[in-house]
Amino acid sequence: MVEQACRPDSVRRPEHGSGVTMPYLTTDADLISRAWEQAAAKDFPLAEPVLELEQQLDYGRRAVVVHVPQSWPHGHFCHNCGHRYPCRIVLWGMRLLQARGWDLPSVIDLIEAIQAGERL
C-alpha cells in the first residue's frame, strides 16, 4: 500500500495570511536561474501587446509566483500544475518578464516575498 503522504496532492497548504511559510516549496536560486536561462533560450511567441503594460506584467508575475518549484525525492515539479519544473507556463511568464525588462534577482525576490506571505 502506498503512503498518501508521498503524493503532492496530500500536502496541506497553509491559509493565506497565516504567517506560515511553505517549507516544501523551494526558492533555490539555481533552479530558478536555470528556468530563467531556458526561457531566454526558447522563442516563446509573445502575443502582440493588446493589454496594457501593467496587465502584461501582472500575468507574467502571477505565472512566475504560482508555478514555483516543489522539491520531491524524485525531482523538482511545478507546485501548481505538477509538471517537471520548469513548466511551460513559468517559462512563458519568465520570457514575458524578460521582454519587459525584468532581471533574475527581481524575479527571485518576488518569489521569496510571496512565499513569505506578501501579496502580489
PDB file of N, CA and C in Angstrom:
ATOM      1  N   MET A   1       0.837  -1.181   0.000  1.00  0.00           N
ATOM      2  CA  MET A   1       0.000   0.000   0.000  1.00  0.00           C
ATOM      3  C   MET A   1       0.884   1.247   0.000  1.00  0.00           C
ATOM      4  N   VAL A   2       0.598   2.183  -0.866  1.00  0.00           N
ATOM      5  CA  VAL A   2       1.395   3.396  -0.992  1.00  0.00           C
ATOM      6  C   VAL A   2       0.917   4.424   0.020  1.00  0.00           C
ATOM      7  N   GLU A   3       1.862   5.025   0.688  1.00  0.00           N
ATOM      8  CA  GLU A   3       1.523   6.075   1.651  1.00  0.00           C
ATOM      9  C   GLU A   3       0.958   7.283   0.925  1.00  0.00           C
ATOM     10  N   GLN A   4      -0.114   7.842   1.423  1.00  0.00           N
ATOM     11  CA  GLN A   4      -0.691   9.042   0.824  1.00  0.00           C
ATOM     12  C   GLN A   4       0.209  10.253   1.003  1.00  0.00           C
ATOM     13  N   ALA A   5       1.067  10.233   2.026  1.00  0.00           N
ATOM     14  CA  ALA A   5       1.902  11.401   2.320  1.00  0.00           C
ATOM     15  C   ALA A   5       2.944  11.664   1.245  1.00  0.00           C
ATOM     16  N   CYS A   6       3.223  10.707   0.368  1.00  0.00           N
ATOM     17  CA  CYS A   6       4.246  10.918  -0.651  1.00  0.00           C
ATOM     18  C   CYS A   6       3.668  11.574  -1.899  1.00  0.00           C
ATOM     19  N   ARG A   7       2.388  11.779  -1.972  1.00  0.00           N
ATOM     20  CA  ARG A   7       1.772  12.396  -3.136  1.00  0.00           C
ATOM     21  C   ARG A   7       1.662  13.901  -2.955  1.00  0.00           C
ATOM     22  N   PRO A   8       1.958  14.691  -3.999  1.00  0.00           N
ATOM     23  CA  PRO A   8       1.855  16.144  -3.902  1.00  0.00           C
ATOM     24  C   PRO A   8       0.460  16.617  -3.523  1.00  0.00           C
ATOM     25  N   ASP A   9      -0.601  15.859  -3.908  1.00  0.00           N
ATOM     26  CA  ASP A   9      -1.964  16.293  -3.613  1.00  0.00           C
ATOM     27  C   ASP A   9      -2.258  16.317  -2.121  1.00  0.00           C
ATOM     28  N   SER A  10      -1.519  15.519  -1.351  1.00  0.00           N
ATOM     29  CA  SER A  10      -1.851  15.391   0.061  1.00  0.00           C
ATOM     30  C   SER A  10      -1.175  16.452   0.928  1.00  0.00           C
ATOM     31  N   VAL A  11      -0.383  17.327   0.320  1.00  0.00           N
ATOM     32  CA  VAL A  11       0.297  18.361   1.092  1.00  0.00           C
ATOM     33  C   VAL A  11      -0.715  19.430   1.459  1.00  0.00           C
ATOM     34  N   ARG A  12      -0.815  19.706   2.721  1.00  0.00           N
ATOM     35  CA  ARG A  12      -1.773  20.720   3.176  1.00  0.00           C
ATOM     36  C   ARG A  12      -1.147  22.090   3.039  1.00  0.00           C
ATOM     37  N   ARG A  13      -1.860  22.975   2.426  1.00  0.00           N
ATOM     38  CA  ARG A  13      -1.377  24.336   2.243  1.00  0.00           C
ATOM     39  C   ARG A  13      -1.860  25.197   3.395  1.00  0.00           C
ATOM     40  N   PRO A  14      -1.007  26.105   3.886  1.00  0.00           N
ATOM     41  CA  PRO A  14      -1.445  26.990   4.958  1.00  0.00           C
ATOM     42  C   PRO A  14      -2.435  28.017   4.433  1.00  0.00           C
ATOM     43  N   GLU A  15      -3.259  28.514   5.311  1.00  0.00           N
ATOM     44  CA  GLU A  15      -4.195  29.562   4.949  1.00  0.00           C
ATOM     45  C   GLU A  15      -3.427  30.820   4.586  1.00  0.00           C
ATOM     46  N   HIS A  16      -3.928  31.566   3.600  1.00  0.00           N
ATOM     47  CA  HIS A  16      -3.265  32.800   3.188  1.00  0.00           C
ATOM     48  C   HIS A  16      -3.284  33.800   4.348  1.00  0.00           C
ATOM     49  N   GLY A  17      -2.149  34.400   4.581  1.00  0.00           N
ATOM     50  CA  GLY A  17      -2.041  35.403   5.630  1.00  0.00           C
ATOM     51  C   GLY A  17      -1.833  34.818   7.014  1.00  0.00           C
ATOM     52  N   SER A  18      -1.631  33.502   7.120  1.00  0.00           N
ATOM     53  CA  SER A  18      -1.468  32.894   8.440  1.00  0.00           C
ATOM     54  C   SER A  18      -0.057  33.073   8.980  1.00  0.00           C
ATOM     55  N   GLY A  19       0.859  33.555   8.117  1.00  0.00           N
ATOM     56  CA  GLY A  19       2.234  33.736   8.546  1.00  0.00           C
ATOM     57  C   GLY A  19       3.046  32.464   8.501  1.00  0.00           C
ATOM     58  N   VAL A  20       2.435  31.372   8.077  1.00  0.00           N
ATOM     59  CA  VAL A  20       3.123  30.094   7.993  1.00  0.00           C
ATOM     60  C   VAL A  20       3.817  30.017   6.640  1.00  0.00           C
ATOM     61  N   THR A  21       5.110  29.716   6.666  1.00  0.00           N
ATOM     62  CA  THR A  21       5.826  29.567   5.406  1.00  0.00           C
ATOM     63  C   THR A  21       5.560  28.190   4.832  1.00  0.00           C
ATOM     64  N   MET A  22       5.896  28.012   3.577  1.00  0.00           N
ATOM     65  CA  MET A  22       5.672  26.740   2.908  1.00  0.00           C
ATOM     66  C   MET A  22       7.012  26.054   2.712  1.00  0.00           C
ATOM     67  N   PRO A  23       7.463  25.207   3.671  1.00  0.00           N
ATOM     68  CA  PRO A  23       8.794  24.628   3.597  1.00  0.00           C
ATOM     69  C   PRO A  23       8.979  23.643   2.451  1.00  0.00           C
ATOM     70  N   TYR A  24       7.903  23.107   1.906  1.00  0.00           N
ATOM     71  CA  TYR A  24       8.035  22.144   0.829  1.00  0.00           C
ATOM     72  C   TYR A  24       8.255  22.825  -0.517  1.00  0.00           C
ATOM     73  N   LEU A  25       8.089  24.143  -0.583  1.00  0.00           N
ATOM     74  CA  LEU A  25       8.403  24.882  -1.794  1.00  0.00           C
ATOM     75  C   LEU A  25       9.841  25.342  -1.706  1.00  0.00           C
ATOM     76  N   THR A  26      10.478  25.508  -2.837  1.00  0.00           N
ATOM     77  CA  THR A  26      11.872  25.916  -2.824  1.00  0.00           C
ATOM     78  C   THR A  26      12.059  27.195  -3.609  1.00  0.00           C
ATOM     79  N   THR A  27      12.924  28.039  -3.106  1.00  0.00           N
ATOM     80  CA  THR A  27      13.331  29.219  -3.866  1.00  0.00           C
ATOM     81  C   THR A  27      14.795  29.052  -4.221  1.00  0.00           C
ATOM     82  N   ASP A  28      15.170  27.826  -4.542  1.00  0.00           N
ATOM     83  CA  ASP A  28      16.532  27.514  -4.933  1.00  0.00           C
ATOM     84  C   ASP A  28      16.897  28.382  -6.128  1.00  0.00           C
ATOM     85  N   ALA A  29      17.818  29.299  -5.914  1.00  0.00           N
ATOM     86  CA  ALA A  29      18.188  30.252  -6.962  1.00  0.00           C
ATOM     87  C   ALA A  29      18.750  29.547  -8.186  1.00  0.00           C
ATOM     88  N   ASP A  30      19.393  28.397  -7.991  1.00  0.00           N
ATOM     89  CA  ASP A  30      19.945  27.673  -9.123  1.00  0.00           C
ATOM     90  C   ASP A  30      18.838  27.141 -10.028  1.00  0.00           C
ATOM     91  N   LEU A  31      17.781  26.577  -9.444  1.00  0.00           N
ATOM     92  CA  LEU A  31      16.654  26.086 -10.240  1.00  0.00           C
ATOM     93  C   LEU A  31      15.978  27.217 -10.989  1.00  0.00           C
ATOM     94  N   ILE A  32      15.761  28.310 -10.291  1.00  0.00           N
ATOM     95  CA  ILE A  32      15.072  29.441 -10.900  1.00  0.00           C
ATOM     96  C   ILE A  32      15.943  30.071 -11.984  1.00  0.00           C
ATOM     97  N   SER A  33      17.258  30.151 -11.761  1.00  0.00           N
ATOM     98  CA  SER A  33      18.127  30.735 -12.779  1.00  0.00           C
ATOM     99  C   SER A  33      18.213  29.838 -14.013  1.00  0.00           C
ATOM    100  N   ARG A  34      18.178  28.498 -13.822  1.00  0.00           N
ATOM    101  CA  ARG A  34      18.154  27.611 -14.994  1.00  0.00           C
ATOM    102  C   ARG A  34      16.870  27.792 -15.792  1.00  0.00           C
ATOM    103  N   ALA A  35      15.752  27.969 -15.089  1.00  0.00           N
ATOM    104  CA  ALA A  35      14.485  28.227 -15.782  1.00  0.00           C
ATOM    105  C   ALA A  35      14.547  29.564 -16.514  1.00  0.00           C
ATOM    106  N   TRP A  36      15.177  30.555 -15.896  1.00  0.00           N
ATOM    107  CA  TRP A  36      15.337  31.875 -16.500  1.00  0.00           C
ATOM    108  C   TRP A  36      16.140  31.767 -17.800  1.00  0.00           C
ATOM    109  N   GLU A  37      17.216  30.985 -17.759  1.00  0.00           N
ATOM    110  CA  GLU A  37      18.042  30.801 -18.956  1.00  0.00           C
ATOM    111  C   GLU A  37      17.290  30.026 -20.037  1.00  0.00           C
ATOM    112  N   GLN A  38      16.503  29.027 -19.639  1.00  0.00           N
ATOM    113  CA  GLN A  38      15.712  28.283 -20.614  1.00  0.00           C
ATOM    114  C   GLN A  38      14.678  29.180 -21.278  1.00  0.00           C
ATOM    115  N   ALA A  39      14.076  30.050 -20.476  1.00  0.00           N
ATOM    116  CA  ALA A  39      13.079  30.963 -21.031  1.00  0.00           C
ATOM    117  C   ALA A  39      13.731  31.917 -22.022  1.00  0.00           C
ATOM    118  N   ALA A  40      14.958  32.345 -21.743  1.00  0.00           N
ATOM    119  CA  ALA A  40      15.658  33.249 -22.654  1.00  0.00           C
ATOM    120  C   ALA A  40      16.048  32.524 -23.937  1.00  0.00           C
ATOM    121  N   ALA A  41      16.377  31.235 -23.836  1.00  0.00           N
ATOM    122  CA  ALA A  41      16.825  30.476 -25.000  1.00  0.00           C
ATOM    123  C   ALA A  41      15.661  30.079 -25.909  1.00  0.00           C
ATOM    124  N   LYS A  42      14.490  29.845 -25.321  1.00  0.00           N
ATOM    125  CA  LYS A  42      13.345  29.428 -26.135  1.00  0.00           C
ATOM    126  C   LYS A  42      12.686  30.656 -26.738  1.00  0.00           C
ATOM    127  N   ASP A  43      12.152  30.466 -27.894  1.00  0.00           N
ATOM    128  CA  ASP A  43      11.496  31.566 -28.580  1.00  0.00           C
ATOM    129  C   ASP A  43       9.991  31.431 -28.396  1.00  0.00           C
ATOM    130  N   PHE A  44       9.522  31.762 -27.184  1.00  0.00           N
ATOM    131  CA  PHE A  44       8.095  31.696 -26.923  1.00  0.00           C
ATOM    132  C   PHE A  44       7.406  32.824 -27.665  1.00  0.00           C
ATOM    133  N   PRO A  45       6.343  32.500 -28.365  1.00  0.00           N
ATOM    134  CA  PRO A  45       5.640  33.572 -29.062  1.00  0.00           C
ATOM    135  C   PRO A  45       4.891  34.436 -28.055  1.00  0.00           C
ATOM    136  N   LEU A  46       5.310  35.656 -27.946  1.00  0.00           N
ATOM    137  CA  LEU A  46       4.596  36.597 -27.096  1.00  0.00           C
ATOM    138  C   LEU A  46       3.623  37.348 -27.985  1.00  0.00           C
ATOM    139  N   ALA A  47       2.380  37.363 -27.584  1.00  0.00           N
ATOM    140  CA  ALA A  47       1.343  37.998 -28.386  1.00  0.00           C
ATOM    141  C   ALA A  47       1.611  39.493 -28.515  1.00  0.00           C
ATOM    142  N   GLU A  48       1.052  40.043 -29.553  1.00  0.00           N
ATOM    143  CA  GLU A  48       1.144  41.490 -29.707  1.00  0.00           C
ATOM    144  C   GLU A  48       0.521  42.141 -28.475  1.00  0.00           C
ATOM    145  N   PRO A  49       1.123  43.219 -28.014  1.00  0.00           N
ATOM    146  CA  PRO A  49       0.617  43.848 -26.790  1.00  0.00           C
ATOM    147  C   PRO A  49      -0.793  44.406 -26.943  1.00  0.00           C
ATOM    148  N   VAL A  50      -1.786  43.559 -26.703  1.00  0.00           N
ATOM    149  CA  VAL A  50      -3.175  44.001 -26.720  1.00  0.00           C
ATOM    150  C   VAL A  50      -3.518  44.618 -25.371  1.00  0.00           C
ATOM    151  N   LEU A  51      -2.930  44.054 -24.332  1.00  0.00           N
ATOM    152  CA  LEU A  51      -3.168  44.540 -22.976  1.00  0.00           C
ATOM    153  C   LEU A  51      -2.201  45.664 -22.650  1.00  0.00           C
ATOM    154  N   GLU A  52      -2.560  46.450 -21.667  1.00  0.00           N
ATOM    155  CA  GLU A  52      -1.654  47.493 -21.203  1.00  0.00           C
ATOM    156  C   GLU A  52      -0.443  46.837 -20.544  1.00  0.00           C
ATOM    157  N   LEU A  53       0.650  47.574 -20.453  1.00  0.00           N
ATOM    158  CA  LEU A  53       1.898  47.039 -19.914  1.00  0.00           C
ATOM    159  C   LEU A  53       1.711  46.485 -18.507  1.00  0.00           C
ATOM    160  N   GLU A  54       0.973  47.177 -17.670  1.00  0.00           N
ATOM    161  CA  GLU A  54       0.791  46.727 -16.291  1.00  0.00           C
ATOM    162  C   GLU A  54       0.019  45.404 -16.247  1.00  0.00           C
ATOM    163  N   GLN A  55      -0.944  45.220 -17.136  1.00  0.00           N
ATOM    164  CA  GLN A  55      -1.682  43.959 -17.179  1.00  0.00           C
ATOM    165  C   GLN A  55      -0.777  42.824 -17.652  1.00  0.00           C
ATOM    166  N   GLN A  56       0.078  43.104 -18.619  1.00  0.00           N
ATOM    167  CA  GLN A  56       1.018  42.091 -19.089  1.00  0.00           C
ATOM    168  C   GLN A  56       1.958  41.676 -17.968  1.00  0.00           C
ATOM    169  N   LEU A  57       2.490  42.663 -17.252  1.00  0.00           N
ATOM    170  CA  LEU A  57       3.387  42.366 -16.139  1.00  0.00           C
ATOM    171  C   LEU A  57       2.671  41.582 -15.047  1.00  0.00           C
ATOM    172  N   ASP A  58       1.404  41.896 -14.822  1.00  0.00           N
ATOM    173  CA  ASP A  58       0.631  41.183 -13.802  1.00  0.00           C
ATOM    174  C   ASP A  58       0.511  39.705 -14.161  1.00  0.00           C
ATOM    175  N   TYR A  59       0.210  39.399 -15.417  1.00  0.00           N
ATOM    176  CA  TYR A  59       0.114  37.997 -15.840  1.00  0.00           C
ATOM    177  C   TYR A  59       1.462  37.290 -15.718  1.00  0.00           C
ATOM    178  N   GLY A  60       2.529  37.957 -16.109  1.00  0.00           N
ATOM    179  CA  GLY A  60       3.860  37.354 -16.002  1.00  0.00           C
ATOM    180  C   GLY A  60       4.255  37.097 -14.562  1.00  0.00           C
ATOM    181  N   ARG A  61       3.999  38.079 -13.686  1.00  0.00           N
ATOM    182  CA  ARG A  61       4.326  37.902 -12.263  1.00  0.00           C
ATOM    183  C   ARG A  61       3.517  36.768 -11.653  1.00  0.00           C
ATOM    184  N   ARG A  62       2.239  36.700 -11.984  1.00  0.00           N
ATOM    185  CA  ARG A  62       1.398  35.621 -11.445  1.00  0.00           C
ATOM    186  C   ARG A  62       1.890  34.248 -11.899  1.00  0.00           C
ATOM    187  N   ALA A  63       2.260  34.144 -13.168  1.00  0.00           N
ATOM    188  CA  ALA A  63       2.753  32.866 -13.672  1.00  0.00           C
ATOM    189  C   ALA A  63       4.007  32.434 -12.923  1.00  0.00           C
ATOM    190  N   VAL A  64       4.897  33.382 -12.657  1.00  0.00           N
ATOM    191  CA  VAL A  64       6.165  33.063 -12.003  1.00  0.00           C
ATOM    192  C   VAL A  64       5.972  32.690 -10.537  1.00  0.00           C
ATOM    193  N   VAL A  65       5.060  33.347  -9.840  1.00  0.00           N
ATOM    194  CA  VAL A  65       4.909  33.053  -8.409  1.00  0.00           C
ATOM    195  C   VAL A  65       3.972  31.885  -8.141  1.00  0.00           C
ATOM    196  N   VAL A  66       3.085  31.554  -9.068  1.00  0.00           N
ATOM    197  CA  VAL A  66       2.185  30.422  -8.867  1.00  0.00           C
ATOM    198  C   VAL A  66       2.848  29.113  -9.283  1.00  0.00           C
ATOM    199  N   HIS A  67       3.634  29.157 -10.345  1.00  0.00           N
ATOM    200  CA  HIS A  67       4.284  27.953 -10.863  1.00  0.00           C
ATOM    201  C   HIS A  67       5.721  27.887 -10.349  1.00  0.00           C
ATOM    202  N   VAL A  68       5.864  27.666  -9.056  1.00  0.00           N
ATOM    203  CA  VAL A  68       7.180  27.605  -8.403  1.00  0.00           C
ATOM    204  C   VAL A  68       7.619  26.152  -8.250  1.00  0.00           C
ATOM    205  N   PRO A  69       8.933  25.927  -8.109  1.00  0.00           N
ATOM    206  CA  PRO A  69       9.399  24.547  -7.960  1.00  0.00           C
ATOM    207  C   PRO A  69       9.056  23.966  -6.595  1.00  0.00           C
ATOM    208  N   GLN A  70       8.692  22.718  -6.605  1.00  0.00           N
ATOM    209  CA  GLN A  70       8.413  21.977  -5.381  1.00  0.00           C
ATOM    210  C   GLN A  70       9.338  20.768  -5.387  1.00  0.00           C
ATOM    211  N   SER A  71      10.077  20.593  -4.319  1.00  0.00           N
ATOM    212  CA  SER A  71      11.076  19.536  -4.250  1.00  0.00           C
ATOM    213  C   SER A  71      10.457  18.240  -3.743  1.00  0.00           C
ATOM    214  N   TRP A  72      10.697  17.163  -4.507  1.00  0.00           N
ATOM    215  CA  TRP A  72      10.262  15.831  -4.134  1.00  0.00           C
ATOM    216  C   TRP A  72      11.456  14.907  -4.270  1.00  0.00           C
ATOM    217  N   PRO A  73      11.432  13.756  -3.620  1.00  0.00           N
ATOM    218  CA  PRO A  73      12.573  12.837  -3.707  1.00  0.00           C
ATOM    219  C   PRO A  73      12.918  12.437  -5.145  1.00  0.00           C
ATOM    220  N   HIS A  74      11.954  12.441  -6.029  1.00  0.00           N
ATOM    221  CA  HIS A  74      12.188  12.029  -7.404  1.00  0.00           C
ATOM    222  C   HIS A  74      12.347  13.215  -8.357  1.00  0.00           C
ATOM    223  N   GLY A  75      12.588  14.408  -7.826  1.00  0.00           N
ATOM    224  CA  GLY A  75      12.864  15.567  -8.683  1.00  0.00           C
ATOM    225  C   GLY A  75      12.098  16.808  -8.276  1.00  0.00           C
ATOM    226  N   HIS A  76      12.195  17.820  -9.096  1.00  0.00           N
ATOM    227  CA  HIS A  76      11.509  19.083  -8.861  1.00  0.00           C
ATOM    228  C   HIS A  76      10.328  19.187  -9.820  1.00  0.00           C
ATOM    229  N   PHE A  77       9.181  19.545  -9.246  1.00  0.00           N
ATOM    230  CA  PHE A  77       7.957  19.641 -10.023  1.00  0.00           C
ATOM    231  C   PHE A  77       7.297  20.981  -9.765  1.00  0.00           C
ATOM    232  N   CYS A  78       6.460  21.397 -10.711  1.00  0.00           N
ATOM    233  CA  CYS A  78       5.714  22.645 -10.554  1.00  0.00           C
ATOM    234  C   CYS A  78       4.677  22.472  -9.449  1.00  0.00           C
ATOM    235  N   HIS A  79       4.631  23.422  -8.554  1.00  0.00           N
ATOM    236  CA  HIS A  79       3.704  23.363  -7.434  1.00  0.00           C
ATOM    237  C   HIS A  79       2.253  23.427  -7.902  1.00  0.00           C
ATOM    238  N   ASN A  80       1.999  24.133  -8.982  1.00  0.00           N
ATOM    239  CA  ASN A  80       0.627  24.342  -9.421  1.00  0.00           C
ATOM    240  C   ASN A  80       0.123  23.257 -10.368  1.00  0.00           C
ATOM    241  N   CYS A  81       0.869  22.961 -11.420  1.00  0.00           N
ATOM    242  CA  CYS A  81       0.359  22.039 -12.437  1.00  0.00           C
ATOM    243  C   CYS A  81       0.933  20.631 -12.338  1.00  0.00           C
ATOM    244  N   GLY A  82       1.984  20.433 -11.551  1.00  0.00           N
ATOM    245  CA  GLY A  82       2.528  19.106 -11.337  1.00  0.00           C
ATOM    246  C   GLY A  82       3.492  18.614 -12.402  1.00  0.00           C
ATOM    247  N   HIS A  83       3.758  19.414 -13.432  1.00  0.00           N
ATOM    248  CA  HIS A  83       4.723  19.012 -14.454  1.00  0.00           C
ATOM    249  C   HIS A  83       6.138  19.240 -13.946  1.00  0.00           C
ATOM    250  N   ARG A  84       7.105  18.646 -14.609  1.00  0.00           N
ATOM    251  CA  ARG A  84       8.512  18.881 -14.248  1.00  0.00           C
ATOM    252  C   ARG A  84       8.803  20.370 -14.295  1.00  0.00           C
ATOM    253  N   TYR A  85       9.580  20.832 -13.307  1.00  0.00           N
ATOM    254  CA  TYR A  85       9.967  22.233 -13.281  1.00  0.00           C
ATOM    255  C   TYR A  85      11.187  22.433 -14.166  1.00  0.00           C
ATOM    256  N   PRO A  86      11.210  23.433 -14.995  1.00  0.00           N
ATOM    257  CA  PRO A  86      10.233  24.491 -15.218  1.00  0.00           C
ATOM    258  C   PRO A  86       9.149  24.055 -16.201  1.00  0.00           C
ATOM    259  N   CYS A  87       7.912  24.347 -15.855  1.00  0.00           N
ATOM    260  CA  CYS A  87       6.795  24.016 -16.736  1.00  0.00           C
ATOM    261  C   CYS A  87       6.675  25.100 -17.812  1.00  0.00           C
ATOM    262  N   ARG A  88       5.825  24.857 -18.785  1.00  0.00           N
ATOM    263  CA  ARG A  88       5.680  25.798 -19.902  1.00  0.00           C
ATOM    264  C   ARG A  88       5.165  27.160 -19.447  1.00  0.00           C
ATOM    265  N   ILE A  89       4.299  27.170 -18.458  1.00  0.00           N
ATOM    266  CA  ILE A  89       3.699  28.441 -18.041  1.00  0.00           C
ATOM    267  C   ILE A  89       4.724  29.322 -17.344  1.00  0.00           C
ATOM    268  N   VAL A  90       5.577  28.738 -16.488  1.00  0.00           N
ATOM    269  CA  VAL A  90       6.592  29.556 -15.826  1.00  0.00           C
ATOM    270  C   VAL A  90       7.624  30.046 -16.844  1.00  0.00           C
ATOM    271  N   LEU A  91       7.938  29.214 -17.836  1.00  0.00           N
ATOM    272  CA  LEU A  91       8.854  29.670 -18.880  1.00  0.00           C
ATOM    273  C   LEU A  91       8.247  30.829 -19.659  1.00  0.00           C
ATOM    274  N   TRP A  92       6.949  30.742 -19.955  1.00  0.00           N
ATOM    275  CA  TRP A  92       6.273  31.828 -20.652  1.00  0.00           C
ATOM    276  C   TRP A  92       6.288  33.101 -19.794  1.00  0.00           C
ATOM    277  N   GLY A  93       5.972  32.952 -18.493  1.00  0.00           N
ATOM    278  CA  GLY A  93       5.959  34.111 -17.603  1.00  0.00           C
ATOM    279  C   GLY A  93       7.327  34.754 -17.487  1.00  0.00           C
ATOM    280  N   MET A  94       8.367  33.931 -17.379  1.00  0.00           N
ATOM    281  CA  MET A  94       9.724  34.480 -17.296  1.00  0.00           C
ATOM    282  C   MET A  94      10.116  35.158 -18.598  1.00  0.00           C
ATOM    283  N   ARG A  95       9.715  34.571 -19.719  1.00  0.00           N
ATOM    284  CA  ARG A  95      10.018  35.185 -21.014  1.00  0.00           C
ATOM    285  C   ARG A  95       9.321  36.523 -21.156  1.00  0.00           C
ATOM    286  N   LEU A  96       8.075  36.599 -20.698  1.00  0.00           N
ATOM    287  CA  LEU A  96       7.335  37.858 -20.753  1.00  0.00           C
ATOM    288  C   LEU A  96       8.018  38.911 -19.885  1.00  0.00           C
ATOM    289  N   LEU A  97       8.434  38.520 -18.677  1.00  0.00           N
ATOM    290  CA  LEU A  97       9.113  39.473 -17.791  1.00  0.00           C
ATOM    291  C   LEU A  97      10.455  39.897 -18.375  1.00  0.00           C
ATOM    292  N   GLN A  98      11.183  38.975 -19.004  1.00  0.00           N
ATOM    293  CA  GLN A  98      12.452  39.341 -19.651  1.00  0.00           C
ATOM    294  C   GLN A  98      12.216  40.364 -20.754  1.00  0.00           C
ATOM    295  N   ALA A  99      11.177  40.143 -21.546  1.00  0.00           N
ATOM    296  CA  ALA A  99      10.879  41.061 -22.642  1.00  0.00           C
ATOM    297  C   ALA A  99      10.462  42.438 -22.141  1.00  0.00           C
ATOM    298  N   ARG A 100       9.989  42.487 -20.908  1.00  0.00           N
ATOM    299  CA  ARG A 100       9.561  43.770 -20.333  1.00  0.00           C
ATOM    300  C   ARG A 100      10.624  44.391 -19.429  1.00  0.00           C
ATOM    301  N   GLY A 101      11.849  43.823 -19.445  1.00  0.00           N
ATOM    302  CA  GLY A 101      12.961  44.456 -18.751  1.00  0.00           C
ATOM    303  C   GLY A 101      13.277  43.953 -17.354  1.00  0.00           C
ATOM    304  N   TRP A 102      12.655  42.889 -16.904  1.00  0.00           N
ATOM    305  CA  TRP A 102      12.960  42.351 -15.577  1.00  0.00           C
ATOM    306  C   TRP A 102      14.270  41.587 -15.626  1.00  0.00           C
ATOM    307  N   ASP A 103      14.909  41.459 -14.454  1.00  0.00           N
ATOM    308  CA  ASP A 103      16.127  40.659 -14.349  1.00  0.00           C
ATOM    309  C   ASP A 103      15.906  39.532 -13.336  1.00  0.00           C
ATOM    310  N   LEU A 104      16.817  38.569 -13.315  1.00  0.00           N
ATOM    311  CA  LEU A 104      16.681  37.389 -12.467  1.00  0.00           C
ATOM    312  C   LEU A 104      16.589  37.709 -10.976  1.00  0.00           C
ATOM    313  N   PRO A 105      17.439  38.598 -10.414  1.00  0.00           N
ATOM    314  CA  PRO A 105      17.306  38.893  -8.978  1.00  0.00           C
ATOM    315  C   PRO A 105      15.932  39.458  -8.607  1.00  0.00           C
ATOM    316  N   SER A 106      15.320  40.223  -9.492  1.00  0.00           N
ATOM    317  CA  SER A 106      13.985  40.757  -9.209  1.00  0.00           C
ATOM    318  C   SER A 106      12.949  39.638  -9.138  1.00  0.00           C
ATOM    319  N   VAL A 107      13.079  38.644 -10.006  1.00  0.00           N
ATOM    320  CA  VAL A 107      12.143  37.524 -10.007  1.00  0.00           C
ATOM    321  C   VAL A 107      12.319  36.684  -8.745  1.00  0.00           C
ATOM    322  N   ILE A 108      13.555  36.416  -8.361  1.00  0.00           N
ATOM    323  CA  ILE A 108      13.805  35.638  -7.139  1.00  0.00           C
ATOM    324  C   ILE A 108      13.281  36.389  -5.917  1.00  0.00           C
ATOM    325  N   ASP A 109      13.506  37.695  -5.860  1.00  0.00           N
ATOM    326  CA  ASP A 109      12.977  38.494  -4.752  1.00  0.00           C
ATOM    327  C   ASP A 109      11.450  38.442  -4.707  1.00  0.00           C
ATOM    328  N   LEU A 110      10.819  38.495  -5.868  1.00  0.00           N
ATOM    329  CA  LEU A 110       9.357  38.433  -5.935  1.00  0.00           C
ATOM    330  C   LEU A 110       8.850  37.095  -5.401  1.00  0.00           C
ATOM    331  N   ILE A 111       9.467  35.998  -5.823  1.00  0.00           N
ATOM    332  CA  ILE A 111       9.035  34.669  -5.367  1.00  0.00           C
ATOM    333  C   ILE A 111       9.225  34.525  -3.860  1.00  0.00           C
ATOM    334  N   GLU A 112      10.362  34.989  -3.345  1.00  0.00           N
ATOM    335  CA  GLU A 112      10.609  34.900  -1.904  1.00  0.00           C
ATOM    336  C   GLU A 112       9.623  35.753  -1.114  1.00  0.00           C
ATOM    337  N   ALA A 113       9.302  36.931  -1.618  1.00  0.00           N
ATOM    338  CA  ALA A 113       8.341  37.801  -0.929  1.00  0.00           C
ATOM    339  C   ALA A 113       6.960  37.168  -0.875  1.00  0.00           C
ATOM    340  N   ILE A 114       6.529  36.570  -1.968  1.00  0.00           N
ATOM    341  CA  ILE A 114       5.210  35.929  -2.000  1.00  0.00           C
ATOM    342  C   ILE A 114       5.191  34.736  -1.039  1.00  0.00           C
ATOM    343  N   GLN A 115       6.256  33.941  -1.027  1.00  0.00           N
ATOM    344  CA  GLN A 115       6.292  32.794  -0.127  1.00  0.00           C
ATOM    345  C   GLN A 115       6.381  33.203   1.333  1.00  0.00           C
ATOM    346  N   ALA A 116       6.864  34.423   1.585  1.00  0.00           N
ATOM    347  CA  ALA A 116       6.912  34.930   2.956  1.00  0.00           C
ATOM    348  C   ALA A 116       5.562  35.483   3.397  1.00  0.00           C
ATOM    349  N   GLY A 117       4.593  35.540   2.482  1.00  0.00           N
ATOM    350  CA  GLY A 117       3.262  35.963   2.867  1.00  0.00           C
ATOM    351  C   GLY A 117       2.834  37.309   2.341  1.00  0.00           C
ATOM    352  N   GLU A 118       3.669  37.979   1.569  1.00  0.00           N
ATOM    353  CA  GLU A 118       3.263  39.261   0.994  1.00  0.00           C
ATOM    354  C   GLU A 118       2.297  39.020  -0.146  1.00  0.00           C
ATOM    355  N   ARG A 119       1.514  40.040  -0.456  1.00  0.00           N
ATOM    356  CA  ARG A 119       0.547  39.929  -1.549  1.00  0.00           C
ATOM    357  C   ARG A 119       1.142  40.468  -2.833  1.00  0.00           C
ATOM    358  N   LEU A 120       0.663  39.959  -3.944  1.00  0.00           N
ATOM    359  CA  LEU A 120       1.167  40.343  -5.254  1.00  0.00           C
ATOM    360  C   LEU A 120       0.751  41.740  -5.623  1.00  0.00           C
TER     361      LEU A 120
END
